[in-house]
Amino acid sequence: MTPHTHDLTDLFDQLGISSDRHSIAHFIRCHTVLGNGTLLQDRALWSVSQSTFLREAIDQDGDWAIVVNQLNAALHH
């Protein structure tokens, strides 16, 4: 069984955030940090349920882990 490949649109949908291309780009622009050691899932911008989802995605290293890591990279460039 091959894992399902998610993209940023899927992740933003899952998190309940506007997921069109413009909205994703705007979110990344507004929330990018430089040199901040705070983990993605611990940032103040998430609700408790969003933070829990992100933490579990990373911890379980499952279907969502790749796209969560992509978002993390985009927010820390």
C-alpha atoms as a PDB file:
ATOM      1  CA  MET A   1       0.000   0.000   0.000  1.00  0.00           C
ATOM      2  CA  THR A   2       1.488   3.329  -1.033  1.00  0.00           C
ATOM      3  CA  PRO A   3       0.976   6.332   1.226  1.00  0.00           C
ATOM      4  CA  HIS A   4      -1.246   9.153   0.041  1.00  0.00           C
ATOM      5  CA  THR A   5       0.742  12.188  -1.060  1.00  0.00           C
ATOM      6  CA  HIS A   6      -0.630  15.434   0.329  1.00  0.00           C
ATOM      7  CA  ASP A   7       0.209  18.931  -0.855  1.00  0.00           C
ATOM      8  CA  LEU A   8       0.006  22.341   0.814  1.00  0.00           C
ATOM      9  CA  THR A   9      -3.566  22.797  -0.383  1.00  0.00           C
ATOM     10  CA  ASP A  10      -4.570  19.574   1.387  1.00  0.00           C
ATOM     11  CA  LEU A  11      -2.711  20.627   4.532  1.00  0.00           C
ATOM     12  CA  PHE A  12      -4.329  24.051   4.646  1.00  0.00           C
ATOM     13  CA  ASP A  13      -7.740  22.422   4.103  1.00  0.00           C
ATOM     14  CA  GLN A  14      -7.004  20.017   6.958  1.00  0.00           C
ATOM     15  CA  LEU A  15      -6.004  22.924   9.199  1.00  0.00           C
ATOM     16  CA  GLY A  16      -9.135  24.892   8.245  1.00  0.00           C
ATOM     17  CA  ILE A  17      -7.159  27.706   6.597  1.00  0.00           C
ATOM     18  CA  SER A  18      -7.955  29.229   3.193  1.00  0.00           C
ATOM     19  CA  SER A  19      -6.168  26.991   0.729  1.00  0.00           C
ATOM     20  CA  ASP A  20      -6.133  28.774  -2.612  1.00  0.00           C
ATOM     21  CA  ARG A  21      -2.687  29.591  -4.003  1.00  0.00           C
ATOM     22  CA  HIS A  22      -2.873  33.280  -3.115  1.00  0.00           C
ATOM     23  CA  SER A  23      -3.959  32.572   0.466  1.00  0.00           C
ATOM     24  CA  ILE A  24      -1.183  30.019   1.006  1.00  0.00           C
ATOM     25  CA  ALA A  25       1.440  32.446  -0.325  1.00  0.00           C
ATOM     26  CA  HIS A  26       0.033  35.234   1.858  1.00  0.00           C
ATOM     27  CA  PHE A  27       0.048  32.998   4.952  1.00  0.00           C
ATOM     28  CA  ILE A  28       3.667  32.021   4.358  1.00  0.00           C
ATOM     29  CA  ARG A  29       4.704  35.651   3.761  1.00  0.00           C
ATOM     30  CA  CYS A  30       2.963  36.822   6.936  1.00  0.00           C
ATOM     31  CA  HIS A  31       4.233  34.033   9.192  1.00  0.00           C
ATOM     32  CA  THR A  32       7.810  33.494   7.999  1.00  0.00           C
ATOM     33  CA  VAL A  33      10.403  33.643  10.768  1.00  0.00           C
ATOM     34  CA  LEU A  34      14.145  33.998  10.524  1.00  0.00           C
ATOM     35  CA  GLY A  35      16.383  32.214  12.997  1.00  0.00           C
ATOM     36  CA  ASN A  36      13.567  31.420  15.390  1.00  0.00           C
ATOM     37  CA  GLY A  37      14.096  28.100  17.190  1.00  0.00           C
ATOM     38  CA  THR A  38      10.391  27.617  17.908  1.00  0.00           C
ATOM     39  CA  LEU A  39       9.035  24.379  16.504  1.00  0.00           C
ATOM     40  CA  LEU A  40       6.351  24.714  13.846  1.00  0.00           C
ATOM     41  CA  GLN A  41       3.699  23.044  15.986  1.00  0.00           C
ATOM     42  CA  ASP A  42       4.533  25.255  18.993  1.00  0.00           C
ATOM     43  CA  ARG A  43       4.069  28.600  17.241  1.00  0.00           C
ATOM     44  CA  ALA A  44       1.376  30.832  18.727  1.00  0.00           C
ATOM     45  CA  LEU A  45      -0.454  31.142  15.409  1.00  0.00           C
ATOM     46  CA  TRP A  46      -2.117  27.694  15.702  1.00  0.00           C
ATOM     47  CA  SER A  47      -5.215  26.674  17.594  1.00  0.00           C
ATOM     48  CA  VAL A  48      -4.837  23.759  20.003  1.00  0.00           C
ATOM     49  CA  SER A  49      -6.317  21.325  17.477  1.00  0.00           C
ATOM     50  CA  GLN A  50      -4.084  22.597  14.649  1.00  0.00           C
ATOM     51  CA  SER A  51      -1.002  22.335  16.846  1.00  0.00           C
ATOM     52  CA  THR A  52      -1.982  18.809  17.907  1.00  0.00           C
ATOM     53  CA  PHE A  53      -2.476  17.757  14.297  1.00  0.00           C
ATOM     54  CA  LEU A  54       0.921  19.156  13.260  1.00  0.00           C
ATOM     55  CA  ARG A  55       2.671  17.528  16.233  1.00  0.00           C
ATOM     56  CA  GLU A  56       1.068  14.147  15.521  1.00  0.00           C
ATOM     57  CA  ALA A  57       1.877  14.393  11.808  1.00  0.00           C
ATOM     58  CA  ILE A  58       5.533  14.925  12.614  1.00  0.00           C
ATOM     59  CA  ASP A  59       5.700  12.380  15.449  1.00  0.00           C
ATOM     60  CA  GLN A  60       3.987   9.637  13.457  1.00  0.00           C
ATOM     61  CA  ASP A  61       6.075  10.328  10.345  1.00  0.00           C
ATOM     62  CA  GLY A  62       3.029   9.335   8.285  1.00  0.00           C
ATOM     63  CA  ASP A  63       1.260  10.594   5.185  1.00  0.00           C
ATOM     64  CA  TRP A  64       1.183  14.193   6.380  1.00  0.00           C
ATOM     65  CA  ALA A  65       4.802  14.468   7.586  1.00  0.00           C
ATOM     66  CA  ILE A  66       6.304  15.442   4.217  1.00  0.00           C
ATOM     67  CA  VAL A  67       3.953  18.343   3.573  1.00  0.00           C
ATOM     68  CA  VAL A  68       4.156  19.512   7.213  1.00  0.00           C
ATOM     69  CA  ASN A  69       7.936  19.591   6.819  1.00  0.00           C
ATOM     70  CA  GLN A  70       7.513  21.533   3.565  1.00  0.00           C
ATOM     71  CA  LEU A  71       5.432  24.123   5.367  1.00  0.00           C
ATOM     72  CA  ASN A  72       7.995  24.271   8.154  1.00  0.00           C
ATOM     73  CA  ALA A  73      10.769  24.881   5.619  1.00  0.00           C
ATOM     74  CA  ALA A  74       8.726  27.570   3.842  1.00  0.00           C
ATOM     75  CA  LEU A  75       8.140  29.381   7.139  1.00  0.00           C
ATOM     76  CA  HIS A  76      11.815  29.250   8.140  1.00  0.00           C
ATOM     77  CA  HIS A  77      13.679  30.310   5.009  1.00  0.00           C
END
